[in-house]
Amino acid sequence: METVLRAVVIFLVLWAVTRIVGRSTLGELSAFELIMFIVMGDLVQQSITQQDYSMTGAVLALATFALLTITLSWLNARFRGAERLLHGRPVIVCYDGEPTRRVMRRERLSMADLREAARQQGIRSVADIRIAILEPNGQLSFFVGDHDEQPPFPPARAR
C-alpha cells in the first residue's frame, strides 16, 4: 500500500510541475529538457519503490500512474470545469496585429517565439495576424484576415 501512496504523491507532484513549467515550453522540448524528463523518471521510480526492484513494486507503481491518468481523463470528459483546471485554457496572445504583452509575459512567450511561429505558418509580419492563440498544449494557432472586419471575439483580459 505504501508504494501506491508514494505513486499518488509523485504523480501529483509531476502533474503540478508540468502545469508550472508552462505551456509555451511544453510545445517543444529542447534536447536538454528531454534528457531532464527522462532522468526525472528514474529519480521518481526510486522514490516510489524505495529501491524495491521486485516486479510487484514496479507493477503497482505503473498501475497507479495509469489509473490516475485514466481518472484525470475521465474527470476532464465528465466535468466542464475540470478541463480548465487540469489542462488550462487557450489565451489570446495577439489581437488585430497587436501583441497582448501582459498575457505574453504571464505565459513566458517572447516576441521572437511569436514571430518564429508566425513565419512557420507563412505569416510575414505580426501586423498581419488577426488573432494568435496560445493553446493549452503549447502550440500557437493563427487567424489572418482583413483587419477592417469586426473581430469574431474580443481579446482576453490579462489577469
Foldseek 3Di string as FASTA:
>chain_A
DQLLVLLVVVLVVVLVVVVVVFQQCLLDDDPVRVVVVVVVVVVSLCRSQVPPPDPVSVVSSVVSNVVVVVVLVVCVVPDVVSCCVRQNAKAWQAAQLRGPVLQCVVRVHDPVNVCVLCVVVVHNGSNQFHIWIQGSNNHIDTDGDDSVDDDPDDHDDRD
